[in-house]
Amino acid sequence: MHTLAMLVTTGAVAVLVYEWLGLAFLRRGWINLDLLWMAALIATGCLLLISLV
């Protein structure tokens, strides 16, 4: 059930972004996902280290 809910939510957000901003914006304003992923992993690691202290 969780997987279905996540899939439906992801699809709905994708359609809304496509309809609202358009394909030109998505091509021009692409987010560097490698940097975003790196920041998320570093933040998670820092939170884990802080919670252990």
PDB file of N, CA and C in Angstrom:
ATOM      1  N   MET A   1       0.823  -1.191   0.000  1.00  0.00           N
ATOM      2  CA  MET A   1       0.000   0.000   0.000  1.00  0.00           C
ATOM      3  C   MET A   1       0.867   1.255   0.000  1.00  0.00           C
ATOM      4  N   HIS A   2       1.958   1.227   0.770  1.00  0.00           N
ATOM      5  CA  HIS A   2       2.850   2.377   0.843  1.00  0.00           C
ATOM      6  C   HIS A   2       3.468   2.666  -0.524  1.00  0.00           C
ATOM      7  N   THR A   3       3.868   1.626  -1.232  1.00  0.00           N
ATOM      8  CA  THR A   3       4.477   1.800  -2.551  1.00  0.00           C
ATOM      9  C   THR A   3       3.493   2.434  -3.524  1.00  0.00           C
ATOM     10  N   LEU A   4       2.256   1.996  -3.484  1.00  0.00           N
ATOM     11  CA  LEU A   4       1.232   2.565  -4.352  1.00  0.00           C
ATOM     12  C   LEU A   4       0.997   4.034  -4.027  1.00  0.00           C
ATOM     13  N   ALA A   5       0.930   4.370  -2.750  1.00  0.00           N
ATOM     14  CA  ALA A   5       0.734   5.764  -2.346  1.00  0.00           C
ATOM     15  C   ALA A   5       1.897   6.639  -2.805  1.00  0.00           C
ATOM     16  N   MET A   6       3.116   6.137  -2.675  1.00  0.00           N
ATOM     17  CA  MET A   6       4.289   6.901  -3.110  1.00  0.00           C
ATOM     18  C   MET A   6       4.284   7.086  -4.630  1.00  0.00           C
ATOM     19  N   LEU A   7       3.909   6.058  -5.358  1.00  0.00           N
ATOM     20  CA  LEU A   7       3.862   6.139  -6.816  1.00  0.00           C
ATOM     21  C   LEU A   7       2.809   7.141  -7.280  1.00  0.00           C
ATOM     22  N   VAL A   8       1.634   7.106  -6.669  1.00  0.00           N
ATOM     23  CA  VAL A   8       0.564   8.035  -7.029  1.00  0.00           C
ATOM     24  C   VAL A   8       0.971   9.470  -6.698  1.00  0.00           C
ATOM     25  N   THR A   9       1.569   9.677  -5.535  1.00  0.00           N
ATOM     26  CA  THR A   9       2.001  11.014  -5.136  1.00  0.00           C
ATOM     27  C   THR A   9       3.079  11.546  -6.071  1.00  0.00           C
ATOM     28  N   THR A  10       4.054  10.720  -6.395  1.00  0.00           N
ATOM     29  CA  THR A  10       5.125  11.131  -7.303  1.00  0.00           C
ATOM     30  C   THR A  10       4.568  11.483  -8.676  1.00  0.00           C
ATOM     31  N   GLY A  11       3.665  10.679  -9.163  1.00  0.00           N
ATOM     32  CA  GLY A  11       3.047  10.954 -10.459  1.00  0.00           C
ATOM     33  C   GLY A  11       2.244  12.240 -10.452  1.00  0.00           C
ATOM     34  N   ALA A  12       1.495  12.469  -9.382  1.00  0.00           N
ATOM     35  CA  ALA A  12       0.691  13.685  -9.284  1.00  0.00           C
ATOM     36  C   ALA A  12       1.574  14.929  -9.238  1.00  0.00           C
ATOM     37  N   VAL A  13       2.645  14.874  -8.470  1.00  0.00           N
ATOM     38  CA  VAL A  13       3.563  16.015  -8.391  1.00  0.00           C
ATOM     39  C   VAL A  13       4.216  16.260  -9.748  1.00  0.00           C
ATOM     40  N   ALA A  14       4.610  15.194 -10.436  1.00  0.00           N
ATOM     41  CA  ALA A  14       5.231  15.340 -11.755  1.00  0.00           C
ATOM     42  C   ALA A  14       4.275  15.997 -12.745  1.00  0.00           C
ATOM     43  N   VAL A  15       3.028  15.588 -12.741  1.00  0.00           N
ATOM     44  CA  VAL A  15       2.043  16.177 -13.649  1.00  0.00           C
ATOM     45  C   VAL A  15       1.801  17.638 -13.297  1.00  0.00           C
ATOM     46  N   LEU A  16       1.679  17.948 -12.015  1.00  0.00           N
ATOM     47  CA  LEU A  16       1.461  19.336 -11.606  1.00  0.00           C
ATOM     48  C   LEU A  16       2.630  20.236 -11.993  1.00  0.00           C
ATOM     49  N   VAL A  17       3.841  19.776 -11.776  1.00  0.00           N
ATOM     50  CA  VAL A  17       5.015  20.575 -12.144  1.00  0.00           C
ATOM     51  C   VAL A  17       5.062  20.764 -13.654  1.00  0.00           C
ATOM     52  N   TYR A  18       4.791  19.719 -14.403  1.00  0.00           N
ATOM     53  CA  TYR A  18       4.812  19.812 -15.862  1.00  0.00           C
ATOM     54  C   TYR A  18       3.751  20.791 -16.358  1.00  0.00           C
ATOM     55  N   GLU A  19       2.539  20.705 -15.806  1.00  0.00           N
ATOM     56  CA  GLU A  19       1.452  21.582 -16.239  1.00  0.00           C
ATOM     57  C   GLU A  19       1.674  23.027 -15.796  1.00  0.00           C
ATOM     58  N   TRP A  20       2.198  23.212 -14.590  1.00  0.00           N
ATOM     59  CA  TRP A  20       2.332  24.547 -14.014  1.00  0.00           C
ATOM     60  C   TRP A  20       3.542  25.284 -14.571  1.00  0.00           C
ATOM     61  N   LEU A  21       4.681  24.617 -14.647  1.00  0.00           N
ATOM     62  CA  LEU A  21       5.917  25.278 -15.062  1.00  0.00           C
ATOM     63  C   LEU A  21       6.258  25.044 -16.528  1.00  0.00           C
ATOM     64  N   GLY A  22       5.863  23.939 -17.066  1.00  0.00           N
ATOM     65  CA  GLY A  22       6.140  23.643 -18.466  1.00  0.00           C
ATOM     66  C   GLY A  22       7.487  22.976 -18.678  1.00  0.00           C
ATOM     67  N   LEU A  23       7.628  22.403 -19.844  1.00  0.00           N
ATOM     68  CA  LEU A  23       8.831  21.655 -20.173  1.00  0.00           C
ATOM     69  C   LEU A  23      10.046  22.564 -20.349  1.00  0.00           C
ATOM     70  N   ALA A  24       9.844  23.781 -20.849  1.00  0.00           N
ATOM     71  CA  ALA A  24      10.971  24.705 -21.052  1.00  0.00           C
ATOM     72  C   ALA A  24      11.650  25.027 -19.726  1.00  0.00           C
ATOM     73  N   PHE A  25      10.864  25.251 -18.683  1.00  0.00           N
ATOM     74  CA  PHE A  25      11.453  25.543 -17.368  1.00  0.00           C
ATOM     75  C   PHE A  25      12.211  24.341 -16.830  1.00  0.00           C
ATOM     76  N   LEU A  26      11.649  23.156 -17.014  1.00  0.00           N
ATOM     77  CA  LEU A  26      12.312  21.953 -16.516  1.00  0.00           C
ATOM     78  C   LEU A  26      13.647  21.722 -17.217  1.00  0.00           C
ATOM     79  N   ARG A  27      13.714  22.034 -18.488  1.00  0.00           N
ATOM     80  CA  ARG A  27      14.986  21.894 -19.208  1.00  0.00           C
ATOM     81  C   ARG A  27      15.990  22.945 -18.751  1.00  0.00           C
ATOM     82  N   ARG A  28      15.529  24.162 -18.515  1.00  0.00           N
ATOM     83  CA  ARG A  28      16.401  25.265 -18.146  1.00  0.00           C
ATOM     84  C   ARG A  28      16.773  25.227 -16.672  1.00  0.00           C
ATOM     85  N   GLY A  29      15.861  24.843 -15.819  1.00  0.00           N
ATOM     86  CA  GLY A  29      16.068  24.922 -14.382  1.00  0.00           C
ATOM     87  C   GLY A  29      16.346  23.588 -13.722  1.00  0.00           C
ATOM     88  N   TRP A  30      17.047  22.704 -14.408  1.00  0.00           N
ATOM     89  CA  TRP A  30      17.311  21.369 -13.879  1.00  0.00           C
ATOM     90  C   TRP A  30      18.164  21.449 -12.628  1.00  0.00           C
ATOM     91  N   ILE A  31      17.823  20.692 -11.620  1.00  0.00           N
ATOM     92  CA  ILE A  31      18.557  20.663 -10.354  1.00  0.00           C
ATOM     93  C   ILE A  31      19.685  19.645 -10.475  1.00  0.00           C
ATOM     94  N   ASN A  32      20.845  19.999  -9.957  1.00  0.00           N
ATOM     95  CA  ASN A  32      21.962  19.057  -9.940  1.00  0.00           C
ATOM     96  C   ASN A  32      21.683  18.035  -8.834  1.00  0.00           C
ATOM     97  N   LEU A  33      21.171  16.878  -9.210  1.00  0.00           N
ATOM     98  CA  LEU A  33      20.755  15.878  -8.234  1.00  0.00           C
ATOM     99  C   LEU A  33      21.936  15.264  -7.495  1.00  0.00           C
ATOM    100  N   ASP A  34      23.115  15.246  -8.116  1.00  0.00           N
ATOM    101  CA  ASP A  34      24.291  14.718  -7.427  1.00  0.00           C
ATOM    102  C   ASP A  34      24.624  15.571  -6.203  1.00  0.00           C
ATOM    103  N   LEU A  35      24.584  16.887  -6.357  1.00  0.00           N
ATOM    104  CA  LEU A  35      24.864  17.773  -5.221  1.00  0.00           C
ATOM    105  C   LEU A  35      23.773  17.669  -4.153  1.00  0.00           C
ATOM    106  N   LEU A  36      22.524  17.569  -4.593  1.00  0.00           N
ATOM    107  CA  LEU A  36      21.420  17.438  -3.647  1.00  0.00           C
ATOM    108  C   LEU A  36      21.534  16.131  -2.864  1.00  0.00           C
ATOM    109  N   TRP A  37      21.873  15.036  -3.535  1.00  0.00           N
ATOM    110  CA  TRP A  37      22.031  13.734  -2.893  1.00  0.00           C
ATOM    111  C   TRP A  37      23.188  13.771  -1.908  1.00  0.00           C
ATOM    112  N   MET A  38      24.312  14.393  -2.303  1.00  0.00           N
ATOM    113  CA  MET A  38      25.472  14.502  -1.427  1.00  0.00           C
ATOM    114  C   MET A  38      25.116  15.293  -0.163  1.00  0.00           C
ATOM    115  N   ALA A  39      24.403  16.393  -0.329  1.00  0.00           N
ATOM    116  CA  ALA A  39      24.016  17.209   0.819  1.00  0.00           C
ATOM    117  C   ALA A  39      23.083  16.436   1.757  1.00  0.00           C
ATOM    118  N   ALA A  40      22.163  15.662   1.188  1.00  0.00           N
ATOM    119  CA  ALA A  40      21.244  14.876   2.011  1.00  0.00           C
ATOM    120  C   ALA A  40      21.990  13.810   2.804  1.00  0.00           C
ATOM    121  N   LEU A  41      22.966  13.157   2.178  1.00  0.00           N
ATOM    122  CA  LEU A  41      23.740  12.129   2.882  1.00  0.00           C
ATOM    123  C   LEU A  41      24.609  12.737   3.981  1.00  0.00           C
ATOM    124  N   ILE A  42      25.219  13.878   3.706  1.00  0.00           N
ATOM    125  CA  ILE A  42      26.043  14.544   4.719  1.00  0.00           C
ATOM    126  C   ILE A  42      25.179  14.997   5.888  1.00  0.00           C
ATOM    127  N   ALA A  43      24.022  15.584   5.601  1.00  0.00           N
ATOM    128  CA  ALA A  43      23.129  16.038   6.668  1.00  0.00           C
ATOM    129  C   ALA A  43      22.644  14.864   7.516  1.00  0.00           C
ATOM    130  N   THR A  44      22.312  13.753   6.878  1.00  0.00           N
ATOM    131  CA  THR A  44      21.870  12.571   7.615  1.00  0.00           C
ATOM    132  C   THR A  44      22.984  12.032   8.497  1.00  0.00           C
ATOM    133  N   GLY A  45      24.197  11.980   7.971  1.00  0.00           N
ATOM    134  CA  GLY A  45      25.343  11.522   8.762  1.00  0.00           C
ATOM    135  C   GLY A  45      25.609  12.421   9.953  1.00  0.00           C
ATOM    136  N   CYS A  46      25.526  13.730   9.747  1.00  0.00           N
ATOM    137  CA  CYS A  46      25.738  14.673  10.853  1.00  0.00           C
ATOM    138  C   CYS A  46      24.665  14.507  11.925  1.00  0.00           C
ATOM    139  N   LEU A  47      23.412  14.360  11.505  1.00  0.00           N
ATOM    140  CA  LEU A  47      22.333  14.155  12.477  1.00  0.00           C
ATOM    141  C   LEU A  47      22.529  12.859  13.255  1.00  0.00           C
ATOM    142  N   LEU A  48      22.995  11.827  12.587  1.00  0.00           N
ATOM    143  CA  LEU A  48      23.255  10.555  13.259  1.00  0.00           C
ATOM    144  C   LEU A  48      24.367  10.710  14.288  1.00  0.00           C
ATOM    145  N   LEU A  49      25.440  11.391  13.918  1.00  0.00           N
ATOM    146  CA  LEU A  49      26.546  11.605  14.856  1.00  0.00           C
ATOM    147  C   LEU A  49      26.118  12.450  16.052  1.00  0.00           C
ATOM    148  N   ILE A  50      25.312  13.476  15.801  1.00  0.00           N
ATOM    149  CA  ILE A  50      24.835  14.332  16.892  1.00  0.00           C
ATOM    150  C   ILE A  50      23.927  13.542  17.835  1.00  0.00           C
ATOM    151  N   SER A  51      23.101  12.662  17.275  1.00  0.00           N
ATOM    152  CA  SER A  51      22.174  11.903  18.118  1.00  0.00           C
ATOM    153  C   SER A  51      22.898  10.870  18.980  1.00  0.00           C
ATOM    154  N   LEU A  52      24.097  10.465  18.579  1.00  0.00           N
ATOM    155  CA  LEU A  52      24.859   9.488  19.355  1.00  0.00           C
ATOM    156  C   LEU A  52      25.561  10.115  20.558  1.00  0.00           C
ATOM    157  N   VAL A  53      25.717  11.422  20.538  1.00  0.00           N
ATOM    158  CA  VAL A  53      26.456  12.107  21.615  1.00  0.00           C
ATOM    159  C   VAL A  53      25.560  12.371  22.792  1.00  0.00           C
TER     160      VAL A  53
END
